[in-house]
Amino acid sequence: MIGKLRAFGAFWYDFVVGDDWRVAVAVVVALAVTFAVASAGVAAWWVLPVAVAVVLPLSLWRVARPGRGG
């Protein structure tokens, strides 16, 4: 039973975090900011596209920068 629970947790960790924990943290932060902005009564539709526009290029740059060996 413990092995199955461990495998289940490992699957969800790999699914949510994947290869880059920084992107997972950025998604959680963007969702929290979206919630906060919406709770303040302001239209919050723009928060997640802005987060993607910031996080995606940074993530790609980090992977593709010279000298990384990959």
PDB file of N, CA and C in Angstrom:
ATOM      1  N   MET A   1       0.825  -1.195   0.000  1.00  0.00           N
ATOM      2  CA  MET A   1       0.000   0.000   0.000  1.00  0.00           C
ATOM      3  C   MET A   1       0.869   1.260   0.000  1.00  0.00           C
ATOM      4  N   ILE A   2       1.926   1.263   0.800  1.00  0.00           N
ATOM      5  CA  ILE A   2       2.810   2.424   0.867  1.00  0.00           C
ATOM      6  C   ILE A   2       3.490   2.649  -0.481  1.00  0.00           C
ATOM      7  N   GLY A   3       3.861   1.573  -1.141  1.00  0.00           N
ATOM      8  CA  GLY A   3       4.494   1.689  -2.459  1.00  0.00           C
ATOM      9  C   GLY A   3       3.570   2.339  -3.476  1.00  0.00           C
ATOM     10  N   LYS A   4       2.290   1.982  -3.410  1.00  0.00           N
ATOM     11  CA  LYS A   4       1.320   2.573  -4.335  1.00  0.00           C
ATOM     12  C   LYS A   4       1.114   4.054  -4.038  1.00  0.00           C
ATOM     13  N   LEU A   5       1.066   4.405  -2.756  1.00  0.00           N
ATOM     14  CA  LEU A   5       0.930   5.818  -2.389  1.00  0.00           C
ATOM     15  C   LEU A   5       2.159   6.612  -2.809  1.00  0.00           C
ATOM     16  N   ARG A   6       3.325   6.030  -2.637  1.00  0.00           N
ATOM     17  CA  ARG A   6       4.563   6.693  -3.049  1.00  0.00           C
ATOM     18  C   ARG A   6       4.588   6.882  -4.566  1.00  0.00           C
ATOM     19  N   ALA A   7       4.175   5.880  -5.319  1.00  0.00           N
ATOM     20  CA  ALA A   7       4.127   5.991  -6.776  1.00  0.00           C
ATOM     21  C   ALA A   7       3.111   7.043  -7.213  1.00  0.00           C
ATOM     22  N   PHE A   8       1.980   7.091  -6.533  1.00  0.00           N
ATOM     23  CA  PHE A   8       0.958   8.090  -6.836  1.00  0.00           C
ATOM     24  C   PHE A   8       1.494   9.501  -6.593  1.00  0.00           C
ATOM     25  N   GLY A   9       2.156   9.701  -5.462  1.00  0.00           N
ATOM     26  CA  GLY A   9       2.749  11.001  -5.157  1.00  0.00           C
ATOM     27  C   GLY A   9       3.852  11.370  -6.134  1.00  0.00           C
ATOM     28  N   ALA A  10       4.665  10.394  -6.516  1.00  0.00           N
ATOM     29  CA  ALA A  10       5.737  10.657  -7.479  1.00  0.00           C
ATOM     30  C   ALA A  10       5.175  11.043  -8.838  1.00  0.00           C
ATOM     31  N   PHE A  11       4.084  10.400  -9.238  1.00  0.00           N
ATOM     32  CA  PHE A  11       3.452  10.762 -10.501  1.00  0.00           C
ATOM     33  C   PHE A  11       2.985  12.207 -10.481  1.00  0.00           C
ATOM     34  N   TRP A  12       2.273  12.602  -9.424  1.00  0.00           N
ATOM     35  CA  TRP A  12       1.743  13.964  -9.362  1.00  0.00           C
ATOM     36  C   TRP A  12       2.854  14.991  -9.235  1.00  0.00           C
ATOM     37  N   TYR A  13       3.906  14.670  -8.508  1.00  0.00           N
ATOM     38  CA  TYR A  13       5.037  15.586  -8.421  1.00  0.00           C
ATOM     39  C   TYR A  13       5.652  15.777  -9.797  1.00  0.00           C
ATOM     40  N   ASP A  14       5.887  14.682 -10.514  1.00  0.00           N
ATOM     41  CA  ASP A  14       6.474  14.764 -11.850  1.00  0.00           C
ATOM     42  C   ASP A  14       5.535  15.481 -12.816  1.00  0.00           C
ATOM     43  N   PHE A  15       4.243  15.269 -12.676  1.00  0.00           N
ATOM     44  CA  PHE A  15       3.261  15.898 -13.562  1.00  0.00           C
ATOM     45  C   PHE A  15       3.192  17.403 -13.325  1.00  0.00           C
ATOM     46  N   VAL A  16       3.177  17.823 -12.074  1.00  0.00           N
ATOM     47  CA  VAL A  16       3.028  19.242 -11.755  1.00  0.00           C
ATOM     48  C   VAL A  16       4.354  19.978 -11.883  1.00  0.00           C
ATOM     49  N   VAL A  17       5.406  19.442 -11.314  1.00  0.00           N
ATOM     50  CA  VAL A  17       6.689  20.132 -11.318  1.00  0.00           C
ATOM     51  C   VAL A  17       7.437  19.873 -12.614  1.00  0.00           C
ATOM     52  N   GLY A  18       7.431  18.655 -13.077  1.00  0.00           N
ATOM     53  CA  GLY A  18       8.096  18.330 -14.331  1.00  0.00           C
ATOM     54  C   GLY A  18       9.592  18.528 -14.264  1.00  0.00           C
ATOM     55  N   ASP A  19      10.146  19.141 -15.305  1.00  0.00           N
ATOM     56  CA  ASP A  19      11.589  19.318 -15.396  1.00  0.00           C
ATOM     57  C   ASP A  19      12.085  20.582 -14.699  1.00  0.00           C
ATOM     58  N   ASP A  20      11.213  21.543 -14.467  1.00  0.00           N
ATOM     59  CA  ASP A  20      11.667  22.824 -13.943  1.00  0.00           C
ATOM     60  C   ASP A  20      10.765  23.282 -12.803  1.00  0.00           C
ATOM     61  N   TRP A  21      11.270  23.203 -11.592  1.00  0.00           N
ATOM     62  CA  TRP A  21      10.474  23.599 -10.431  1.00  0.00           C
ATOM     63  C   TRP A  21      10.195  25.098 -10.433  1.00  0.00           C
ATOM     64  N   ARG A  22      11.056  25.875 -11.102  1.00  0.00           N
ATOM     65  CA  ARG A  22      10.860  27.323 -11.134  1.00  0.00           C
ATOM     66  C   ARG A  22       9.580  27.688 -11.884  1.00  0.00           C
ATOM     67  N   VAL A  23       9.305  26.979 -12.956  1.00  0.00           N
ATOM     68  CA  VAL A  23       8.080  27.236 -13.717  1.00  0.00           C
ATOM     69  C   VAL A  23       6.865  26.858 -12.881  1.00  0.00           C
ATOM     70  N   ALA A  24       6.947  25.765 -12.145  1.00  0.00           N
ATOM     71  CA  ALA A  24       5.827  25.371 -11.283  1.00  0.00           C
ATOM     72  C   ALA A  24       5.565  26.424 -10.217  1.00  0.00           C
ATOM     73  N   VAL A  25       6.618  26.961  -9.629  1.00  0.00           N
ATOM     74  CA  VAL A  25       6.453  28.021  -8.627  1.00  0.00           C
ATOM     75  C   VAL A  25       5.859  29.265  -9.273  1.00  0.00           C
ATOM     76  N   ALA A  26       6.309  29.605 -10.473  1.00  0.00           N
ATOM     77  CA  ALA A  26       5.776  30.776 -11.174  1.00  0.00           C
ATOM     78  C   ALA A  26       4.285  30.616 -11.469  1.00  0.00           C
ATOM     79  N   VAL A  27       3.860  29.417 -11.803  1.00  0.00           N
ATOM     80  CA  VAL A  27       2.439  29.166 -12.059  1.00  0.00           C
ATOM     81  C   VAL A  27       1.629  29.360 -10.781  1.00  0.00           C
ATOM     82  N   VAL A  28       2.126  28.826  -9.668  1.00  0.00           N
ATOM     83  CA  VAL A  28       1.423  28.988  -8.393  1.00  0.00           C
ATOM     84  C   VAL A  28       1.346  30.462  -8.011  1.00  0.00           C
ATOM     85  N   VAL A  29       2.436  31.192  -8.185  1.00  0.00           N
ATOM     86  CA  VAL A  29       2.449  32.625  -7.873  1.00  0.00           C
ATOM     87  C   VAL A  29       1.486  33.375  -8.785  1.00  0.00           C
ATOM     88  N   ALA A  30       1.486  33.051 -10.075  1.00  0.00           N
ATOM     89  CA  ALA A  30       0.582  33.729 -11.011  1.00  0.00           C
ATOM     90  C   ALA A  30      -0.877  33.457 -10.665  1.00  0.00           C
ATOM     91  N   LEU A  31      -1.187  32.240 -10.261  1.00  0.00           N
ATOM     92  CA  LEU A  31      -2.558  31.937  -9.856  1.00  0.00           C
ATOM     93  C   LEU A  31      -2.942  32.691  -8.584  1.00  0.00           C
ATOM     94  N   ALA A  32      -2.002  32.811  -7.646  1.00  0.00           N
ATOM     95  CA  ALA A  32      -2.274  33.568  -6.423  1.00  0.00           C
ATOM     96  C   ALA A  32      -2.477  35.048  -6.720  1.00  0.00           C
ATOM     97  N   VAL A  33      -1.668  35.601  -7.611  1.00  0.00           N
ATOM     98  CA  VAL A  33      -1.832  37.007  -8.003  1.00  0.00           C
ATOM     99  C   VAL A  33      -3.160  37.199  -8.718  1.00  0.00           C
ATOM    100  N   THR A  34      -3.524  36.265  -9.574  1.00  0.00           N
ATOM    101  CA  THR A  34      -4.810  36.344 -10.264  1.00  0.00           C
ATOM    102  C   THR A  34      -5.952  36.350  -9.253  1.00  0.00           C
ATOM    103  N   PHE A  35      -5.882  35.483  -8.265  1.00  0.00           N
ATOM    104  CA  PHE A  35      -6.906  35.441  -7.217  1.00  0.00           C
ATOM    105  C   PHE A  35      -6.969  36.755  -6.451  1.00  0.00           C
ATOM    106  N   ALA A  36      -5.806  37.290  -6.112  1.00  0.00           N
ATOM    107  CA  ALA A  36      -5.766  38.545  -5.346  1.00  0.00           C
ATOM    108  C   ALA A  36      -6.338  39.706  -6.153  1.00  0.00           C
ATOM    109  N   VAL A  37      -5.979  39.772  -7.419  1.00  0.00           N
ATOM    110  CA  VAL A  37      -6.485  40.857  -8.270  1.00  0.00           C
ATOM    111  C   VAL A  37      -7.994  40.719  -8.456  1.00  0.00           C
ATOM    112  N   ALA A  38      -8.462  39.509  -8.676  1.00  0.00           N
ATOM    113  CA  ALA A  38      -9.899  39.295  -8.856  1.00  0.00           C
ATOM    114  C   ALA A  38     -10.659  39.579  -7.567  1.00  0.00           C
ATOM    115  N   SER A  39     -10.065  39.249  -6.427  1.00  0.00           N
ATOM    116  CA  SER A  39     -10.715  39.516  -5.146  1.00  0.00           C
ATOM    117  C   SER A  39     -10.832  41.009  -4.870  1.00  0.00           C
ATOM    118  N   ALA A  40      -9.927  41.784  -5.472  1.00  0.00           N
ATOM    119  CA  ALA A  40      -9.963  43.233  -5.295  1.00  0.00           C
ATOM    120  C   ALA A  40     -11.010  43.887  -6.192  1.00  0.00           C
ATOM    121  N   GLY A  41     -11.674  43.094  -7.008  1.00  0.00           N
ATOM    122  CA  GLY A  41     -12.726  43.617  -7.866  1.00  0.00           C
ATOM    123  C   GLY A  41     -12.232  44.146  -9.199  1.00  0.00           C
ATOM    124  N   VAL A  42     -11.000  43.824  -9.538  1.00  0.00           N
ATOM    125  CA  VAL A  42     -10.409  44.266 -10.803  1.00  0.00           C
ATOM    126  C   VAL A  42     -10.425  43.089 -11.774  1.00  0.00           C
ATOM    127  N   ALA A  43     -10.583  43.382 -13.054  1.00  0.00           N
ATOM    128  CA  ALA A  43     -10.529  42.332 -14.070  1.00  0.00           C
ATOM    129  C   ALA A  43      -9.143  41.678 -14.030  1.00  0.00           C
ATOM    130  N   ALA A  44      -9.097  40.367 -13.902  1.00  0.00           N
ATOM    131  CA  ALA A  44      -7.832  39.662 -13.718  1.00  0.00           C
ATOM    132  C   ALA A  44      -7.454  38.778 -14.894  1.00  0.00           C
ATOM    133  N   TRP A  45      -8.128  38.911 -16.004  1.00  0.00           N
ATOM    134  CA  TRP A  45      -7.869  38.028 -17.138  1.00  0.00           C
ATOM    135  C   TRP A  45      -6.464  38.191 -17.692  1.00  0.00           C
ATOM    136  N   TRP A  46      -5.846  39.315 -17.471  1.00  0.00           N
ATOM    137  CA  TRP A  46      -4.564  39.645 -18.074  1.00  0.00           C
ATOM    138  C   TRP A  46      -3.369  39.091 -17.295  1.00  0.00           C
ATOM    139  N   VAL A  47      -3.560  38.640 -16.062  1.00  0.00           N
ATOM    140  CA  VAL A  47      -2.431  38.248 -15.217  1.00  0.00           C
ATOM    141  C   VAL A  47      -1.723  37.007 -15.773  1.00  0.00           C
ATOM    142  N   LEU A  48      -2.454  35.975 -16.103  1.00  0.00           N
ATOM    143  CA  LEU A  48      -1.813  34.746 -16.576  1.00  0.00           C
ATOM    144  C   LEU A  48      -1.118  34.915 -17.930  1.00  0.00           C
ATOM    145  N   PRO A  49      -1.707  35.626 -18.906  1.00  0.00           N
ATOM    146  CA  PRO A  49      -0.936  35.851 -20.140  1.00  0.00           C
ATOM    147  C   PRO A  49       0.359  36.632 -19.909  1.00  0.00           C
ATOM    148  N   VAL A  50       0.334  37.589 -19.005  1.00  0.00           N
ATOM    149  CA  VAL A  50       1.559  38.333 -18.684  1.00  0.00           C
ATOM    150  C   VAL A  50       2.577  37.402 -18.031  1.00  0.00           C
ATOM    151  N   ALA A  51       2.117  36.549 -17.141  1.00  0.00           N
ATOM    152  CA  ALA A  51       3.024  35.600 -16.493  1.00  0.00           C
ATOM    153  C   ALA A  51       3.661  34.664 -17.515  1.00  0.00           C
ATOM    154  N   VAL A  52       2.878  34.184 -18.459  1.00  0.00           N
ATOM    155  CA  VAL A  52       3.422  33.313 -19.508  1.00  0.00           C
ATOM    156  C   VAL A  52       4.428  34.072 -20.356  1.00  0.00           C
ATOM    157  N   ALA A  53       4.108  35.323 -20.690  1.00  0.00           N
ATOM    158  CA  ALA A  53       5.010  36.133 -21.511  1.00  0.00           C
ATOM    159  C   ALA A  53       6.331  36.413 -20.809  1.00  0.00           C
ATOM    160  N   VAL A  54       6.343  36.389 -19.495  1.00  0.00           N
ATOM    161  CA  VAL A  54       7.578  36.615 -18.740  1.00  0.00           C
ATOM    162  C   VAL A  54       8.312  35.302 -18.474  1.00  0.00           C
ATOM    163  N   VAL A  55       7.588  34.285 -18.026  1.00  0.00           N
ATOM    164  CA  VAL A  55       8.220  33.045 -17.577  1.00  0.00           C
ATOM    165  C   VAL A  55       8.724  32.191 -18.746  1.00  0.00           C
ATOM    166  N   LEU A  56       7.974  32.110 -19.816  1.00  0.00           N
ATOM    167  CA  LEU A  56       8.371  31.244 -20.932  1.00  0.00           C
ATOM    168  C   LEU A  56       9.712  31.637 -21.542  1.00  0.00           C
ATOM    169  N   PRO A  57       9.925  32.910 -21.906  1.00  0.00           N
ATOM    170  CA  PRO A  57      11.248  33.250 -22.452  1.00  0.00           C
ATOM    171  C   PRO A  57      12.390  33.026 -21.457  1.00  0.00           C
ATOM    172  N   LEU A  58      12.145  33.305 -20.183  1.00  0.00           N
ATOM    173  CA  LEU A  58      13.196  33.074 -19.185  1.00  0.00           C
ATOM    174  C   LEU A  58      13.532  31.595 -19.069  1.00  0.00           C
ATOM    175  N   SER A  59      12.509  30.763 -19.096  1.00  0.00           N
ATOM    176  CA  SER A  59      12.728  29.326 -19.017  1.00  0.00           C
ATOM    177  C   SER A  59      13.487  28.820 -20.242  1.00  0.00           C
ATOM    178  N   LEU A  60      13.091  29.276 -21.403  1.00  0.00           N
ATOM    179  CA  LEU A  60      13.776  28.858 -22.630  1.00  0.00           C
ATOM    180  C   LEU A  60      15.217  29.357 -22.658  1.00  0.00           C
ATOM    181  N   TRP A  61      15.437  30.577 -22.201  1.00  0.00           N
ATOM    182  CA  TRP A  61      16.797  31.116 -22.165  1.00  0.00           C
ATOM    183  C   TRP A  61      17.677  30.293 -21.233  1.00  0.00           C
ATOM    184  N   ARG A  62      17.137  29.927 -20.095  1.00  0.00           N
ATOM    185  CA  ARG A  62      17.902  29.157 -19.119  1.00  0.00           C
ATOM    186  C   ARG A  62      18.321  27.802 -19.699  1.00  0.00           C
ATOM    187  N   VAL A  63      17.466  27.200 -20.498  1.00  0.00           N
ATOM    188  CA  VAL A  63      17.774  25.890 -21.080  1.00  0.00           C
ATOM    189  C   VAL A  63      18.714  26.018 -22.272  1.00  0.00           C
ATOM    190  N   ALA A  64      18.552  27.067 -23.076  1.00  0.00           N
ATOM    191  CA  ALA A  64      19.285  27.182 -24.338  1.00  0.00           C
ATOM    192  C   ALA A  64      20.567  27.995 -24.236  1.00  0.00           C
ATOM    193  N   ARG A  65      20.903  28.535 -23.082  1.00  0.00           N
ATOM    194  CA  ARG A  65      22.088  29.386 -23.001  1.00  0.00           C
ATOM    195  C   ARG A  65      23.348  28.588 -23.289  1.00  0.00           C
ATOM    196  N   PRO A  66      24.324  29.253 -23.886  1.00  0.00           N
ATOM    197  CA  PRO A  66      25.584  28.570 -24.239  1.00  0.00           C
ATOM    198  C   PRO A  66      26.322  28.080 -23.003  1.00  0.00           C
ATOM    199  N   GLY A  67      27.051  27.008 -23.174  1.00  0.00           N
ATOM    200  CA  GLY A  67      27.845  26.460 -22.093  1.00  0.00           C
ATOM    201  C   GLY A  67      27.081  25.543 -21.167  1.00  0.00           C
ATOM    202  N   ARG A  68      25.837  25.298 -21.478  1.00  0.00           N
ATOM    203  CA  ARG A  68      25.033  24.431 -20.615  1.00  0.00           C
ATOM    204  C   ARG A  68      25.300  22.959 -20.917  1.00  0.00           C
ATOM    205  N   GLY A  69      25.812  22.678 -22.092  1.00  0.00           N
ATOM    206  CA  GLY A  69      26.164  21.310 -22.427  1.00  0.00           C
ATOM    207  C   GLY A  69      25.023  20.478 -22.933  1.00  0.00           C
ATOM    208  N   GLY A  70      23.912  21.087 -23.255  1.00  0.00           N
ATOM    209  CA  GLY A  70      22.779  20.293 -23.689  1.00  0.00           C
ATOM    210  C   GLY A  70      22.255  20.799 -24.933  1.00  0.00           C
TER     211      GLY A  70
END
